[in-house]
Amino acid sequence: MDMIKVSANSRTSAVAGAIAGVFREHKRAEVQAIGAGAVNQAIKALVLATGYLAADGLEVVCVPEFVDVEIDDKVRTAIKLVITPR
């Protein structure tokens, strides 16, 4: 399963569709965002995806966590959203 990476410029509806698609296929999805703008887009996409999945009778929960990622030899702290079935 691939990590869904979100930036501040990501389209909310596209990310929501990706979350819903990955969740339908794997019964789990992980979203990663670095920075306030990216986290904002990720949370809005999660709300949309929750609606998409609810229409299919699927309920989800999200557990946020911090994760360190290395970008250009620098360690950055990202927010990872782990979406699992309720």
C-alpha atoms as a PDB file:
ATOM      1  CA  MET A   1       0.000   0.000   0.000  1.00  0.00           C
ATOM      2  CA  ASP A   2       1.355   3.394  -0.982  1.00  0.00           C
ATOM      3  CA  MET A   3       1.513   6.408   1.306  1.00  0.00           C
ATOM      4  CA  ILE A   4      -0.724   9.249   0.078  1.00  0.00           C
ATOM      5  CA  LYS A   5       1.422  12.388   0.232  1.00  0.00           C
ATOM      6  CA  VAL A   6      -0.378  15.717   0.431  1.00  0.00           C
ATOM      7  CA  SER A   7       0.993  19.195  -0.232  1.00  0.00           C
ATOM      8  CA  ALA A   8      -0.539  22.599   0.376  1.00  0.00           C
ATOM      9  CA  ASN A   9      -1.365  22.738  -3.353  1.00  0.00           C
ATOM     10  CA  SER A  10      -3.086  19.326  -3.504  1.00  0.00           C
ATOM     11  CA  ARG A  11      -6.680  19.297  -4.759  1.00  0.00           C
ATOM     12  CA  THR A  12      -8.883  18.267  -1.860  1.00  0.00           C
ATOM     13  CA  SER A  13     -11.279  16.228  -3.994  1.00  0.00           C
ATOM     14  CA  ALA A  14      -8.423  14.334  -5.673  1.00  0.00           C
ATOM     15  CA  VAL A  15      -6.873  13.441  -2.323  1.00  0.00           C
ATOM     16  CA  ALA A  16     -10.296  12.409  -0.969  1.00  0.00           C
ATOM     17  CA  GLY A  17     -10.784  10.110  -3.947  1.00  0.00           C
ATOM     18  CA  ALA A  18      -7.349   8.597  -3.395  1.00  0.00           C
ATOM     19  CA  ILE A  19      -8.064   8.009   0.303  1.00  0.00           C
ATOM     20  CA  ALA A  20     -11.410   6.369  -0.473  1.00  0.00           C
ATOM     21  CA  GLY A  21      -9.920   4.243  -3.264  1.00  0.00           C
ATOM     22  CA  VAL A  22      -6.982   2.996  -1.194  1.00  0.00           C
ATOM     23  CA  PHE A  23      -9.281   2.317   1.767  1.00  0.00           C
ATOM     24  CA  ARG A  24     -11.745   0.333  -0.360  1.00  0.00           C
ATOM     25  CA  GLU A  25      -8.908  -1.787  -1.745  1.00  0.00           C
ATOM     26  CA  HIS A  26      -6.778  -2.310   1.378  1.00  0.00           C
ATOM     27  CA  LYS A  27      -9.203  -1.550   4.269  1.00  0.00           C
ATOM     28  CA  ARG A  28      -6.573   0.950   5.468  1.00  0.00           C
ATOM     29  CA  ALA A  29      -5.035   4.167   4.180  1.00  0.00           C
ATOM     30  CA  GLU A  30      -2.151   6.366   5.288  1.00  0.00           C
ATOM     31  CA  VAL A  31      -1.840  10.064   4.482  1.00  0.00           C
ATOM     32  CA  GLN A  32       1.297  12.121   5.085  1.00  0.00           C
ATOM     33  CA  ALA A  33       1.533  15.915   5.207  1.00  0.00           C
ATOM     34  CA  ILE A  34       4.294  18.358   6.127  1.00  0.00           C
ATOM     35  CA  GLY A  35       3.383  21.918   7.062  1.00  0.00           C
ATOM     36  CA  ALA A  36       0.194  23.702   8.056  1.00  0.00           C
ATOM     37  CA  GLY A  37      -1.164  24.113   4.516  1.00  0.00           C
ATOM     38  CA  ALA A  38      -0.636  20.457   3.677  1.00  0.00           C
ATOM     39  CA  VAL A  39      -2.211  19.283   6.934  1.00  0.00           C
ATOM     40  CA  ASN A  40      -5.198  21.554   6.236  1.00  0.00           C
ATOM     41  CA  GLN A  41      -5.708  19.985   2.791  1.00  0.00           C
ATOM     42  CA  ALA A  42      -5.277  16.473   4.226  1.00  0.00           C
ATOM     43  CA  ILE A  43      -7.900  17.004   6.935  1.00  0.00           C
ATOM     44  CA  LYS A  44     -10.401  18.497   4.470  1.00  0.00           C
ATOM     45  CA  ALA A  45      -9.799  15.554   2.133  1.00  0.00           C
ATOM     46  CA  LEU A  46     -10.309  13.117   5.009  1.00  0.00           C
ATOM     47  CA  VAL A  47     -13.695  14.690   5.794  1.00  0.00           C
ATOM     48  CA  LEU A  48     -14.728  14.349   2.137  1.00  0.00           C
ATOM     49  CA  ALA A  49     -13.465  10.761   1.940  1.00  0.00           C
ATOM     50  CA  THR A  50     -15.391   9.874   5.090  1.00  0.00           C
ATOM     51  CA  GLY A  51     -18.549  11.000   3.304  1.00  0.00           C
ATOM     52  CA  TYR A  52     -17.680   9.019   0.168  1.00  0.00           C
ATOM     53  CA  LEU A  53     -17.077   5.876   2.219  1.00  0.00           C
ATOM     54  CA  ALA A  54     -20.193   6.369   4.374  1.00  0.00           C
ATOM     55  CA  ALA A  55     -22.260   6.302   1.176  1.00  0.00           C
ATOM     56  CA  ASP A  56     -20.882   2.768   0.678  1.00  0.00           C
ATOM     57  CA  GLY A  57     -21.725   1.783   4.260  1.00  0.00           C
ATOM     58  CA  LEU A  58     -18.114   1.999   5.453  1.00  0.00           C
ATOM     59  CA  GLU A  59     -17.244   3.785   8.707  1.00  0.00           C
ATOM     60  CA  VAL A  60     -13.682   4.881   9.374  1.00  0.00           C
ATOM     61  CA  VAL A  61     -11.598   6.266  12.187  1.00  0.00           C
ATOM     62  CA  CYS A  62      -8.430   8.307  11.915  1.00  0.00           C
ATOM     63  CA  VAL A  63      -5.462   8.222  14.251  1.00  0.00           C
ATOM     64  CA  PRO A  64      -2.970  11.051  13.712  1.00  0.00           C
ATOM     65  CA  GLU A  65       0.681  10.577  14.592  1.00  0.00           C
ATOM     66  CA  PHE A  66       3.999  12.339  14.179  1.00  0.00           C
ATOM     67  CA  VAL A  67       6.599  10.762  11.934  1.00  0.00           C
ATOM     68  CA  ASP A  68      10.123  11.883  11.030  1.00  0.00           C
ATOM     69  CA  VAL A  69      10.946  11.909   7.312  1.00  0.00           C
ATOM     70  CA  GLU A  70      14.217  12.692   5.600  1.00  0.00           C
ATOM     71  CA  ILE A  71      14.088  15.206   2.761  1.00  0.00           C
ATOM     72  CA  ASP A  72      17.314  16.475   1.148  1.00  0.00           C
ATOM     73  CA  ASP A  73      19.384  15.042   4.019  1.00  0.00           C
ATOM     74  CA  LYS A  74      17.274  16.964   6.565  1.00  0.00           C
ATOM     75  CA  VAL A  75      14.902  15.373   9.037  1.00  0.00           C
ATOM     76  CA  ARG A  76      11.420  16.939   8.988  1.00  0.00           C
ATOM     77  CA  THR A  77       8.443  16.134  11.163  1.00  0.00           C
ATOM     78  CA  ALA A  78       5.315  15.128   9.271  1.00  0.00           C
ATOM     79  CA  ILE A  79       1.780  14.360  10.338  1.00  0.00           C
ATOM     80  CA  LYS A  80       0.627  10.880   9.356  1.00  0.00           C
ATOM     81  CA  LEU A  81      -3.095  10.116   9.337  1.00  0.00           C
ATOM     82  CA  VAL A  82      -3.829   6.404   9.684  1.00  0.00           C
ATOM     83  CA  ILE A  83      -7.350   5.603   8.471  1.00  0.00           C
ATOM     84  CA  THR A  84      -8.809   2.260   9.564  1.00  0.00           C
ATOM     85  CA  PRO A  85     -12.277   0.673   9.786  1.00  0.00           C
ATOM     86  CA  ARG A  86     -14.451   1.486  12.780  1.00  0.00           C
END
